[in-house]
C-alpha atoms as a PDB file:
ATOM      1  CA  MET A   1      68.266 -50.554  64.053  1.00  0.00           C
ATOM      2  CA  LEU A   2      69.422 -46.945  64.273  1.00  0.00           C
ATOM      3  CA  PRO A   3      71.211 -46.597  60.965  1.00  0.00           C
ATOM      4  CA  ALA A   4      68.360 -48.390  58.848  1.00  0.00           C
ATOM      5  CA  LEU A   5      65.742 -45.891  60.839  1.00  0.00           C
ATOM      6  CA  ALA A   6      67.941 -42.892  59.763  1.00  0.00           C
ATOM      7  CA  MET A   7      68.314 -44.008  56.187  1.00  0.00           C
ATOM      8  CA  GLY A   8      64.245 -44.436  56.151  1.00  0.00           C
ATOM      9  CA  LEU A   9      63.862 -41.103  57.782  1.00  0.00           C
ATOM     10  CA  THR A  10      66.089 -39.565  54.981  1.00  0.00           C
ATOM     11  CA  LEU A  11      64.419 -41.336  52.226  1.00  0.00           C
ATOM     12  CA  GLY A  12      60.925 -39.947  53.414  1.00  0.00           C
ATOM     13  CA  LEU A  13      61.610 -36.530  53.674  1.00  0.00           C
ATOM     14  CA  LEU A  14      63.335 -36.507  50.281  1.00  0.00           C
ATOM     15  CA  PRO A  15      60.357 -36.213  47.905  1.00  0.00           C
ATOM     16  CA  GLN A  16      59.295 -33.123  50.521  1.00  0.00           C
ATOM     17  CA  THR A  17      62.541 -31.422  49.844  1.00  0.00           C
ATOM     18  CA  SER A  18      63.056 -31.858  46.279  1.00  0.00           C
ATOM     19  CA  ALA A  19      59.257 -30.994  45.493  1.00  0.00           C
ATOM     20  CA  ALA A  20      58.986 -27.792  43.564  1.00  0.00           C
ATOM     21  CA  ALA A  21      56.685 -25.204  45.008  1.00  0.00           C
ATOM     22  CA  PRO A  22      53.714 -24.081  43.165  1.00  0.00           C
ATOM     23  CA  ARG A  23      53.334 -21.521  40.620  1.00  0.00           C
ATOM     24  CA  SER A  24      51.499 -18.525  41.580  1.00  0.00           C
ATOM     25  CA  ILE A  25      48.893 -16.893  39.382  1.00  0.00           C
ATOM     26  CA  ALA A  26      51.404 -14.023  38.293  1.00  0.00           C
ATOM     27  CA  ASP A  27      53.665 -16.792  37.105  1.00  0.00           C
ATOM     28  CA  ARG A  28      51.099 -18.128  34.917  1.00  0.00           C
ATOM     29  CA  ILE A  29      50.084 -15.323  33.115  1.00  0.00           C
ATOM     30  CA  SER A  30      51.776 -13.678  30.185  1.00  0.00           C
ATOM     31  CA  ILE A  31      50.583 -10.342  28.721  1.00  0.00           C
ATOM     32  CA  ASP A  32      52.148  -9.000  25.447  1.00  0.00           C
ATOM     33  CA  ASP A  33      52.744  -5.107  25.241  1.00  0.00           C
ATOM     34  CA  CYS A  34      50.163  -4.880  22.419  1.00  0.00           C
ATOM     35  CA  VAL A  35      47.341  -5.477  25.124  1.00  0.00           C
ATOM     36  CA  ASP A  36      46.223  -2.090  26.368  1.00  0.00           C
ATOM     37  CA  ALA A  37      45.517  -3.756  29.851  1.00  0.00           C
ATOM     38  CA  ASP A  38      46.843  -2.995  33.417  1.00  0.00           C
ATOM     39  CA  ARG A  39      48.682  -6.190  34.360  1.00  0.00           C
ATOM     40  CA  GLY A  40      48.979  -5.457  37.812  1.00  0.00           C
ATOM     41  CA  GLU A  41      45.473  -4.871  38.018  1.00  0.00           C
ATOM     42  CA  ILE A  42      44.697  -8.086  36.128  1.00  0.00           C
ATOM     43  CA  VAL A  43      46.849 -10.090  38.729  1.00  0.00           C
ATOM     44  CA  ARG A  44      45.077  -8.134  41.713  1.00  0.00           C
ATOM     45  CA  LEU A  45      41.649  -9.011  40.658  1.00  0.00           C
ATOM     46  CA  LEU A  46      42.831 -12.925  39.732  1.00  0.00           C
ATOM     47  CA  GLU A  47      44.013 -13.265  43.407  1.00  0.00           C
ATOM     48  CA  VAL A  48      40.625 -11.819  44.811  1.00  0.00           C
ATOM     49  CA  GLU A  49      38.727 -13.848  42.367  1.00  0.00           C
ATOM     50  CA  LEU A  50      40.733 -17.060  42.791  1.00  0.00           C
ATOM     51  CA  GLY A  51      42.819 -16.786  46.311  1.00  0.00           C
ATOM     52  CA  ALA A  52      41.719 -20.310  46.974  1.00  0.00           C
ATOM     53  CA  LEU A  53      43.653 -21.669  43.471  1.00  0.00           C
ATOM     54  CA  GLN A  54      47.157 -19.877  44.707  1.00  0.00           C
ATOM     55  CA  SER A  55      47.769 -22.682  46.993  1.00  0.00           C
ATOM     56  CA  ASP A  56      46.122 -25.884  45.143  1.00  0.00           C
ATOM     57  CA  ALA A  57      47.253 -25.766  41.553  1.00  0.00           C
ATOM     58  CA  GLY A  58      45.314 -28.860  41.089  1.00  0.00           C
ATOM     59  CA  ALA A  59      42.277 -27.061  41.617  1.00  0.00           C
ATOM     60  CA  ALA A  60      42.999 -25.052  38.583  1.00  0.00           C
ATOM     61  CA  GLY A  61      43.397 -27.834  36.246  1.00  0.00           C
ATOM     62  CA  GLY A  62      47.177 -29.080  36.850  1.00  0.00           C
ATOM     63  CA  ASP A  63      49.684 -27.178  35.397  1.00  0.00           C
ATOM     64  CA  PHE A  64      48.639 -24.542  33.143  1.00  0.00           C
ATOM     65  CA  SER A  65      49.639 -21.171  31.820  1.00  0.00           C
ATOM     66  CA  LEU A  66      48.102 -18.290  29.915  1.00  0.00           C
ATOM     67  CA  ARG A  67      49.291 -15.912  27.193  1.00  0.00           C
ATOM     68  CA  ILE A  68      47.121 -12.748  26.215  1.00  0.00           C
ATOM     69  CA  THR A  69      47.881 -11.190  22.929  1.00  0.00           C
ATOM     70  CA  CYS A  70      46.507  -9.218  20.326  1.00  0.00           C
ATOM     71  CA  SER A  71      44.661 -10.809  17.554  1.00  0.00           C
ATOM     72  CA  ASP A  72      44.344  -9.762  13.672  1.00  0.00           C
ATOM     73  CA  GLN A  73      41.102  -8.324  14.441  1.00  0.00           C
ATOM     74  CA  PRO A  74      40.713  -4.735  15.740  1.00  0.00           C
ATOM     75  CA  GLY A  75      39.670  -4.506  19.096  1.00  0.00           C
ATOM     76  CA  MET A  76      39.490  -8.503  19.830  1.00  0.00           C
ATOM     77  CA  VAL A  77      42.084  -9.836  22.218  1.00  0.00           C
ATOM     78  CA  GLN A  78      43.409 -13.356  22.304  1.00  0.00           C
ATOM     79  CA  VAL A  79      43.673 -15.394  25.212  1.00  0.00           C
ATOM     80  CA  VAL A  80      45.475 -18.745  24.767  1.00  0.00           C
ATOM     81  CA  GLU A  81      45.453 -21.430  27.414  1.00  0.00           C
ATOM     82  CA  GLN A  82      48.207 -23.971  27.603  1.00  0.00           C
ATOM     83  CA  ARG A  83      47.225 -27.378  29.746  1.00  0.00           C
ATOM     84  CA  GLY A  84      50.017 -29.824  29.492  1.00  0.00           C
ATOM     85  CA  THR A  85      50.077 -30.345  25.574  1.00  0.00           C
ATOM     86  CA  ALA A  86      46.641 -29.042  24.946  1.00  0.00           C
ATOM     87  CA  THR A  87      46.140 -25.582  23.724  1.00  0.00           C
ATOM     88  CA  SER A  88      42.731 -23.628  23.451  1.00  0.00           C
ATOM     89  CA  THR A  89      42.265 -20.030  22.239  1.00  0.00           C
ATOM     90  CA  ARG A  90      39.265 -17.630  23.312  1.00  0.00           C
ATOM     91  CA  LEU A  91      38.998 -14.230  21.637  1.00  0.00           C
ATOM     92  CA  LEU A  92      37.484 -11.105  23.622  1.00  0.00           C
ATOM     93  CA  ASN A  93      36.079  -8.039  22.191  1.00  0.00           C
ATOM     94  CA  LEU A  94      37.282  -4.862  23.738  1.00  0.00           C
ATOM     95  CA  SER A  95      36.071  -2.541  20.943  1.00  0.00           C
ATOM     96  CA  GLY A  96      33.237  -1.192  22.961  1.00  0.00           C
ATOM     97  CA  LEU A  97      35.798   0.235  25.605  1.00  0.00           C
ATOM     98  CA  ASP A  98      37.161   3.519  25.637  1.00  0.00           C
ATOM     99  CA  ALA A  99      41.200   3.279  24.955  1.00  0.00           C
ATOM    100  CA  ALA A 100      41.915   5.107  28.331  1.00  0.00           C
ATOM    101  CA  ALA A 101      39.918   2.596  30.282  1.00  0.00           C
ATOM    102  CA  ARG A 102      42.511   0.176  31.162  1.00  0.00           C
ATOM    103  CA  LYS A 103      41.192  -0.730  34.528  1.00  0.00           C
ATOM    104  CA  ALA A 104      38.046  -1.832  32.733  1.00  0.00           C
ATOM    105  CA  ARG A 105      39.708  -3.936  30.283  1.00  0.00           C
ATOM    106  CA  ALA A 106      41.494  -5.810  33.006  1.00  0.00           C
ATOM    107  CA  ARG A 107      37.980  -6.616  34.641  1.00  0.00           C
ATOM    108  CA  GLU A 108      37.000  -7.925  31.146  1.00  0.00           C
ATOM    109  CA  LEU A 109      40.003 -10.106  30.968  1.00  0.00           C
ATOM    110  CA  VAL A 110      39.980 -11.411  34.313  1.00  0.00           C
ATOM    111  CA  LEU A 111      36.289 -12.570  33.962  1.00  0.00           C
ATOM    112  CA  VAL A 112      37.737 -14.720  30.883  1.00  0.00           C
ATOM    113  CA  ILE A 113      40.814 -15.863  32.653  1.00  0.00           C
ATOM    114  CA  ALA A 114      38.818 -16.629  35.766  1.00  0.00           C
ATOM    115  CA  GLU A 115      36.564 -19.020  33.668  1.00  0.00           C
ATOM    116  CA  LEU A 116      39.610 -20.777  32.032  1.00  0.00           C
ATOM    117  CA  MET A 117      41.215 -21.609  35.309  1.00  0.00           C
ATOM    118  CA  ARG A 118      38.211 -22.847  36.721  1.00  0.00           C
ATOM    119  CA  GLY A 119      37.970 -25.175  33.890  1.00  0.00           C
ATOM    120  CA  GLY A 120      34.737 -23.463  32.944  1.00  0.00           C
ATOM    121  CA  THR A 121      32.727 -23.361  29.485  1.00  0.00           C
ATOM    122  CA  GLU A 122      33.725 -20.853  26.871  1.00  0.00           C
ATOM    123  CA  PRO A 123      32.197 -17.532  27.714  1.00  0.00           C
ATOM    124  CA  PRO A 124      30.143 -16.428  24.762  1.00  0.00           C
ATOM    125  CA  ARG A 125      32.089 -14.192  22.448  1.00  0.00           C
ATOM    126  CA  ALA A 126      30.809 -10.625  21.599  1.00  0.00           C
ATOM    127  CA  LYS A 127      29.983 -10.227  17.682  1.00  0.00           C
ATOM    128  CA  PRO A 128      31.212  -7.198  16.562  1.00  0.00           C
ATOM    129  CA  ARG A 129      28.039  -4.953  15.732  1.00  0.00           C
ATOM    130  CA  PRO A 130      27.311  -5.460  12.202  1.00  0.00           C
ATOM    131  CA  THR A 131      27.166  -2.135   9.841  1.00  0.00           C
ATOM    132  CA  PRO A 132      23.680  -1.099   9.545  1.00  0.00           C
ATOM    133  CA  PRO A 133      23.047  -0.894   5.722  1.00  0.00           C
ATOM    134  CA  ALA A 134      22.202   2.590   4.430  1.00  0.00           C
ATOM    135  CA  PRO A 135      18.585   3.562   4.004  1.00  0.00           C
ATOM    136  CA  LYS A 136      17.169   3.226   0.762  1.00  0.00           C
ATOM    137  CA  PRO A 137      15.936   6.766  -0.361  1.00  0.00           C
ATOM    138  CA  ALA A 138      11.969   7.452  -0.222  1.00  0.00           C
ATOM    139  CA  PRO A 139      10.666   6.882  -3.692  1.00  0.00           C
ATOM    140  CA  PRO A 140       9.639  10.387  -5.180  1.00  0.00           C
ATOM    141  CA  PRO A 141       5.886  10.888  -4.549  1.00  0.00           C
ATOM    142  CA  LYS A 142       3.882  10.241  -7.621  1.00  0.00           C
ATOM    143  CA  PRO A 143       2.548  13.251  -9.170  1.00  0.00           C
ATOM    144  CA  GLU A 144      -0.749  14.111  -9.399  1.00  0.00           C
ATOM    145  CA  ARG A 145      -2.547  13.565 -13.025  1.00  0.00           C
ATOM    146  CA  ARG A 146      -4.331  16.240 -14.294  1.00  0.00           C
ATOM    147  CA  TRP A 147      -7.694  15.551 -15.996  1.00  0.00           C
ATOM    148  CA  LEU A 148      -9.161  18.728 -16.775  1.00  0.00           C
ATOM    149  CA  GLU A 149      -7.610  21.958 -17.766  1.00  0.00           C
ATOM    150  CA  LEU A 150      -8.933  25.481 -18.148  1.00  0.00           C
ATOM    151  CA  SER A 151      -6.993  28.406 -20.299  1.00  0.00           C
ATOM    152  CA  LEU A 152      -7.283  31.918 -21.229  1.00  0.00           C
ATOM    153  CA  LEU A 153      -5.476  33.237 -24.383  1.00  0.00           C
ATOM    154  CA  GLY A 154      -4.393  36.030 -26.358  1.00  0.00           C
ATOM    155  CA  SER A 155      -5.078  35.339 -30.045  1.00  0.00           C
ATOM    156  CA  ALA A 156      -3.399  36.652 -33.367  1.00  0.00           C
ATOM    157  CA  GLU A 157      -4.486  35.636 -36.888  1.00  0.00           C
ATOM    158  CA  LYS A 158      -3.244  37.018 -40.199  1.00  0.00           C
ATOM    159  CA  TYR A 159      -4.095  35.249 -43.674  1.00  0.00           C
ATOM    160  CA  SER A 160      -2.270  35.698 -47.047  1.00  0.00           C
ATOM    161  CA  GLY A 161      -5.627  37.024 -48.249  1.00  0.00           C
ATOM    162  CA  GLY A 162      -5.006  40.215 -46.073  1.00  0.00           C
ATOM    163  CA  TYR A 163      -7.569  39.419 -43.262  1.00  0.00           C
ATOM    164  CA  SER A 164      -6.126  39.836 -39.868  1.00  0.00           C
ATOM    165  CA  GLN A 165      -7.487  39.970 -36.219  1.00  0.00           C
ATOM    166  CA  LEU A 166      -6.438  40.006 -32.627  1.00  0.00           C
ATOM    167  CA  GLY A 167      -9.044  38.566 -29.542  1.00  0.00           C
ATOM    168  CA  LEU A 168      -9.320  36.408 -26.982  1.00  0.00           C
ATOM    169  CA  VAL A 169     -10.024  32.865 -26.655  1.00  0.00           C
ATOM    170  CA  GLY A 170     -10.967  30.877 -23.443  1.00  0.00           C
ATOM    171  CA  GLY A 171     -10.374  27.071 -23.772  1.00  0.00           C
ATOM    172  CA  ILE A 172     -11.329  23.712 -21.766  1.00  0.00           C
ATOM    173  CA  ARG A 173      -8.903  20.598 -22.055  1.00  0.00           C
ATOM    174  CA  TRP A 174      -9.966  17.274 -21.020  1.00  0.00           C
ATOM    175  CA  LEU A 175      -7.293  14.466 -20.900  1.00  0.00           C
ATOM    176  CA  PRO A 176      -9.517  11.309 -20.687  1.00  0.00           C
ATOM    177  CA  VAL A 177      -6.833   8.412 -21.100  1.00  0.00           C
ATOM    178  CA  GLY A 178      -3.224   8.204 -21.982  1.00  0.00           C
ATOM    179  CA  PRO A 179      -1.945  10.915 -23.938  1.00  0.00           C
ATOM    180  CA  LEU A 180      -5.014  11.670 -25.848  1.00  0.00           C
ATOM    181  CA  LEU A 181      -6.603  15.111 -25.215  1.00  0.00           C
ATOM    182  CA  LEU A 182      -9.670  16.765 -26.264  1.00  0.00           C
ATOM    183  CA  ASP A 183      -9.816  20.740 -26.579  1.00  0.00           C
ATOM    184  CA  ALA A 184     -12.768  23.008 -27.080  1.00  0.00           C
ATOM    185  CA  ARG A 185     -12.554  26.854 -27.521  1.00  0.00           C
ATOM    186  CA  LEU A 186     -14.537  29.815 -27.633  1.00  0.00           C
ATOM    187  CA  GLY A 187     -13.504  33.347 -28.423  1.00  0.00           C
ATOM    188  CA  ALA A 188     -13.935  36.696 -29.684  1.00  0.00           C
ATOM    189  CA  HIS A 189     -11.902  38.625 -32.142  1.00  0.00           C
ATOM    190  CA  LEU A 190     -11.593  42.197 -33.549  1.00  0.00           C
ATOM    191  CA  ALA A 191     -10.019  43.210 -37.321  1.00  0.00           C
ATOM    192  CA  PRO A 192      -8.106  46.370 -37.654  1.00  0.00           C
ATOM    193  CA  THR A 193     -10.197  48.914 -39.729  1.00  0.00           C
ATOM    194  CA  LEU A 194     -10.231  48.012 -43.677  1.00  0.00           C
ATOM    195  CA  HIS A 195     -10.052  50.989 -46.103  1.00  0.00           C
ATOM    196  CA  ALA A 196     -12.130  50.792 -48.989  1.00  0.00           C
ATOM    197  CA  ALA A 197     -12.703  53.240 -52.099  1.00  0.00           C
ATOM    198  CA  ALA A 198     -15.951  54.441 -50.820  1.00  0.00           C
ATOM    199  CA  GLY A 199     -15.500  54.137 -46.642  1.00  0.00           C
ATOM    200  CA  ASP A 200     -14.257  52.172 -44.138  1.00  0.00           C
ATOM    201  CA  VAL A 201     -15.063  48.551 -43.406  1.00  0.00           C
ATOM    202  CA  GLN A 202     -15.070  47.278 -39.493  1.00  0.00           C
ATOM    203  CA  ALA A 203     -15.093  43.364 -38.862  1.00  0.00           C
ATOM    204  CA  ARG A 204     -15.820  41.574 -35.893  1.00  0.00           C
ATOM    205  CA  SER A 205     -15.753  37.480 -35.309  1.00  0.00           C
ATOM    206  CA  GLY A 206     -16.796  35.051 -32.755  1.00  0.00           C
ATOM    207  CA  THR A 207     -14.957  31.780 -32.966  1.00  0.00           C
ATOM    208  CA  LEU A 208     -15.958  28.272 -31.897  1.00  0.00           C
ATOM    209  CA  ALA A 209     -13.512  25.413 -31.877  1.00  0.00           C
ATOM    210  CA  PHE A 210     -13.034  21.707 -31.419  1.00  0.00           C
ATOM    211  CA  GLY A 211     -10.135  19.588 -31.723  1.00  0.00           C
ATOM    212  CA  VAL A 212      -7.968  16.508 -30.566  1.00  0.00           C
ATOM    213  CA  GLY A 213      -4.184  16.265 -29.645  1.00  0.00           C
ATOM    214  CA  LEU A 214      -1.544  14.035 -28.494  1.00  0.00           C
ATOM    215  CA  ASP A 215       0.252  15.032 -24.871  1.00  0.00           C
ATOM    216  CA  LEU A 216       3.939  14.243 -26.017  1.00  0.00           C
ATOM    217  CA  LEU A 217       5.417  15.128 -22.489  1.00  0.00           C
ATOM    218  CA  PRO A 218       3.794  14.180 -19.459  1.00  0.00           C
ATOM    219  CA  GLY A 219       1.965  17.047 -17.900  1.00  0.00           C
ATOM    220  CA  GLU A 220       3.076  16.571 -14.407  1.00  0.00           C
ATOM    221  CA  HIS A 221       6.617  18.046 -14.898  1.00  0.00           C
ATOM    222  CA  ALA A 222       7.705  21.221 -15.299  1.00  0.00           C
ATOM    223  CA  ALA A 223       7.155  21.872 -18.919  1.00  0.00           C
ATOM    224  CA  GLY A 224       4.964  19.934 -21.512  1.00  0.00           C
ATOM    225  CA  LEU A 225       4.378  19.868 -25.267  1.00  0.00           C
ATOM    226  CA  ALA A 226       1.401  18.350 -27.257  1.00  0.00           C
ATOM    227  CA  LEU A 227       0.311  18.268 -30.770  1.00  0.00           C
ATOM    228  CA  LEU A 228      -3.123  19.979 -31.366  1.00  0.00           C
ATOM    229  CA  SER A 229      -5.425  19.878 -34.284  1.00  0.00           C
ATOM    230  CA  LEU A 230      -8.561  22.309 -34.231  1.00  0.00           C
ATOM    231  CA  LEU A 231     -11.480  22.950 -36.443  1.00  0.00           C
ATOM    232  CA  GLU A 232     -12.543  26.397 -36.110  1.00  0.00           C
ATOM    233  CA  GLY A 233     -15.703  28.046 -36.998  1.00  0.00           C
ATOM    234  CA  GLN A 234     -15.588  31.770 -37.439  1.00  0.00           C
ATOM    235  CA  TRP A 235     -18.742  33.840 -37.487  1.00  0.00           C
ATOM    236  CA  VAL A 236     -17.621  37.322 -39.122  1.00  0.00           C
ATOM    237  CA  PHE A 237     -19.772  40.232 -39.125  1.00  0.00           C
ATOM    238  CA  VAL A 238     -18.754  43.054 -41.222  1.00  0.00           C
ATOM    239  CA  GLU A 239     -20.023  46.736 -41.027  1.00  0.00           C
ATOM    240  CA  GLY A 240     -19.406  49.490 -43.812  1.00  0.00           C
ATOM    241  CA  HIS A 241     -19.127  53.114 -43.500  1.00  0.00           C
ATOM    242  CA  SER A 242     -19.400  55.458 -46.707  1.00  0.00           C
ATOM    243  CA  HIS A 243     -17.758  58.622 -47.124  1.00  0.00           C
ATOM    244  CA  LEU A 244     -20.035  59.650 -49.943  1.00  0.00           C
ATOM    245  CA  PRO A 245     -23.077  61.948 -48.753  1.00  0.00           C
ATOM    246  CA  THR A 246     -25.180  59.956 -51.511  1.00  0.00           C
ATOM    247  CA  SER A 247     -24.656  56.344 -50.127  1.00  0.00           C
ATOM    248  CA  ALA A 248     -24.836  54.686 -46.677  1.00  0.00           C
ATOM    249  CA  GLY A 249     -22.943  51.831 -45.450  1.00  0.00           C
ATOM    250  CA  GLN A 250     -24.119  47.990 -45.365  1.00  0.00           C
ATOM    251  CA  SER A 251     -23.638  45.071 -43.120  1.00  0.00           C
ATOM    252  CA  SER A 252     -23.253  41.662 -43.869  1.00  0.00           C
ATOM    253  CA  ASN A 253     -22.041  38.387 -42.091  1.00  0.00           C
ATOM    254  CA  GLY A 254     -20.851  35.011 -43.049  1.00  0.00           C
ATOM    255  CA  TRP A 255     -18.943  31.933 -41.625  1.00  0.00           C
ATOM    256  CA  ALA A 256     -15.437  30.763 -42.467  1.00  0.00           C
ATOM    257  CA  TRP A 257     -13.956  26.991 -41.588  1.00  0.00           C
ATOM    258  CA  VAL A 258     -10.613  26.953 -40.855  1.00  0.00           C
ATOM    259  CA  LEU A 259      -8.349  23.826 -39.950  1.00  0.00           C
ATOM    260  CA  SER A 260      -5.540  24.634 -37.184  1.00  0.00           C
ATOM    261  CA  VAL A 261      -2.463  22.603 -36.938  1.00  0.00           C
ATOM    262  CA  GLY A 262       0.540  23.326 -34.542  1.00  0.00           C
ATOM    263  CA  PRO A 263       2.325  22.547 -30.949  1.00  0.00           C
ATOM    264  CA  SER A 264       0.930  23.518 -27.808  1.00  0.00           C
ATOM    265  CA  ALA A 265       3.775  23.928 -25.175  1.00  0.00           C
ATOM    266  CA  TRP A 266       3.587  24.922 -21.707  1.00  0.00           C
ATOM    267  CA  LEU A 267       5.719  26.123 -18.858  1.00  0.00           C
ATOM    268  CA  ALA A 268       4.966  25.592 -15.004  1.00  0.00           C
ATOM    269  CA  LEU A 269       4.573  28.820 -13.033  1.00  0.00           C
ATOM    270  CA  GLY A 270       3.161  27.070 -10.189  1.00  0.00           C
ATOM    271  CA  LYS A 271       1.733  23.864  -8.688  1.00  0.00           C
ATOM    272  CA  ARG A 272      -1.509  24.382 -10.901  1.00  0.00           C
ATOM    273  CA  VAL A 273      -0.570  27.289 -13.202  1.00  0.00           C
ATOM    274  CA  ARG A 274       1.200  27.336 -16.559  1.00  0.00           C
ATOM    275  CA  ILE A 275       2.184  29.748 -19.054  1.00  0.00           C
ATOM    276  CA  VAL A 276       1.051  28.486 -22.816  1.00  0.00           C
ATOM    277  CA  ALA A 277       2.268  29.330 -26.167  1.00  0.00           C
ATOM    278  CA  GLU A 278       0.636  27.790 -29.238  1.00  0.00           C
ATOM    279  CA  PRO A 279       1.964  28.980 -32.964  1.00  0.00           C
ATOM    280  CA  ALA A 280      -0.291  27.260 -35.462  1.00  0.00           C
ATOM    281  CA  LEU A 281      -0.608  27.048 -39.338  1.00  0.00           C
ATOM    282  CA  LEU A 282      -4.173  27.892 -40.626  1.00  0.00           C
ATOM    283  CA  LEU A 283      -5.595  26.145 -43.473  1.00  0.00           C
ATOM    284  CA  PRO A 284      -9.101  27.741 -44.594  1.00  0.00           C
ATOM    285  CA  ILE A 285     -11.635  24.977 -45.581  1.00  0.00           C
ATOM    286  CA  GLN A 286     -14.362  27.336 -46.363  1.00  0.00           C
ATOM    287  CA  SER A 287     -12.844  30.764 -47.364  1.00  0.00           C
ATOM    288  CA  LEU A 288     -14.604  34.292 -46.626  1.00  0.00           C
ATOM    289  CA  SER A 289     -14.415  37.298 -48.777  1.00  0.00           C
ATOM    290  CA  ILE A 290     -15.112  40.973 -47.858  1.00  0.00           C
ATOM    291  CA  GLU A 291     -15.504  43.201 -50.783  1.00  0.00           C
ATOM    292  CA  ASP A 292     -16.645  46.496 -51.598  1.00  0.00           C
ATOM    293  CA  ARG A 293     -18.706  47.267 -55.113  1.00  0.00           C
ATOM    294  CA  GLY A 294     -17.277  43.703 -56.111  1.00  0.00           C
ATOM    295  CA  ARG A 295     -13.727  44.201 -55.196  1.00  0.00           C
ATOM    296  CA  ASP A 296     -11.940  42.289 -52.468  1.00  0.00           C
ATOM    297  CA  VAL A 297     -11.122  44.290 -49.373  1.00  0.00           C
ATOM    298  CA  SER A 298     -10.169  41.447 -47.372  1.00  0.00           C
ATOM    299  CA  ARG A 299      -9.945  37.616 -47.689  1.00  0.00           C
ATOM    300  CA  ILE A 300      -9.940  34.484 -45.222  1.00  0.00           C
ATOM    301  CA  SER A 301      -8.175  32.397 -47.814  1.00  0.00           C
ATOM    302  CA  ASP A 302      -5.293  30.336 -48.848  1.00  0.00           C
ATOM    303  CA  TRP A 303      -3.411  29.618 -45.768  1.00  0.00           C
ATOM    304  CA  GLY A 304      -2.440  31.900 -42.585  1.00  0.00           C
ATOM    305  CA  ALA A 305      -0.580  31.828 -39.167  1.00  0.00           C
ATOM    306  CA  ALA A 306      -1.763  32.482 -35.602  1.00  0.00           C
ATOM    307  CA  ALA A 307      -0.083  32.914 -32.199  1.00  0.00           C
ATOM    308  CA  ASN A 308      -1.844  32.074 -28.966  1.00  0.00           C
ATOM    309  CA  LEU A 309      -0.266  33.084 -25.707  1.00  0.00           C
ATOM    310  CA  GLY A 310      -1.577  32.793 -22.095  1.00  0.00           C
ATOM    311  CA  VAL A 311      -2.174  30.756 -18.892  1.00  0.00           C
ATOM    312  CA  SER A 312      -3.630  27.539 -18.167  1.00  0.00           C
ATOM    313  CA  PHE A 313      -4.592  26.110 -14.828  1.00  0.00           C
ATOM    314  CA  TRP A 314      -5.957  23.321 -13.029  1.00  0.00           C
ATOM    315  CA  PRO A 315      -9.691  24.132 -11.253  1.00  0.00           C
END
């Protein structure tokens, strides 16, 4: 009986002496050099977190190993779990941590590894923050449309018949709709002294004009251009001064009607003030002649040219 009992004791002890010791947590983890984390800190934290699993490999899900390596995404670490023949992979975003915070990186990795070793669910993946779209530039403020404009212009006119005059003209311009504009003007002119055979002639005139035009460039920008046509009525008062002691000068008056055609250009001097320039072609419809003893001294006839220069502003 003794040999049989000795054999039974020997066989009963064989599984205990031949069984391999369970692997520690440190033996189950492989960390590549590219991962910027403290391996010793990871193992230490896991021993605290999963101390009960060091003596019970079955509670950790059997024979398994973990490998921590870099991924092809910047700031993302790849944790590969091997359980027998099954392999699973997790990604952990460490881009939010400073490069020098190696212990903080180790704690982040320990949380993921602890879930894997417990057989827990996959931790949520930290999605990289999307780059916010560039803000769209604010649309420029819509400029204020001008409806009414006042002007004060210096005026010079010269006719082929010899008559010329200088004066001031005030105007009002109204833009009712689209590019259409309406223009009304009132002014006064003084002609240079005219020399006649028997004396001198002085002429003064008042001007009333109405017209229409097209605003070719929007009036809200730094410059503008319009085409303008005006019908001018010029009331001319003529007074003669005789050099002869036996005669006295006479006075007379009359109307001349003139069509004025030309551009009206302006340049902004401020938000509501502009400088205005207007060259124009003058075409007399009803001419006026200034005579001395039946001879022409000066005439508003044939054709002429005008130039207006001044300022305009919004009321």
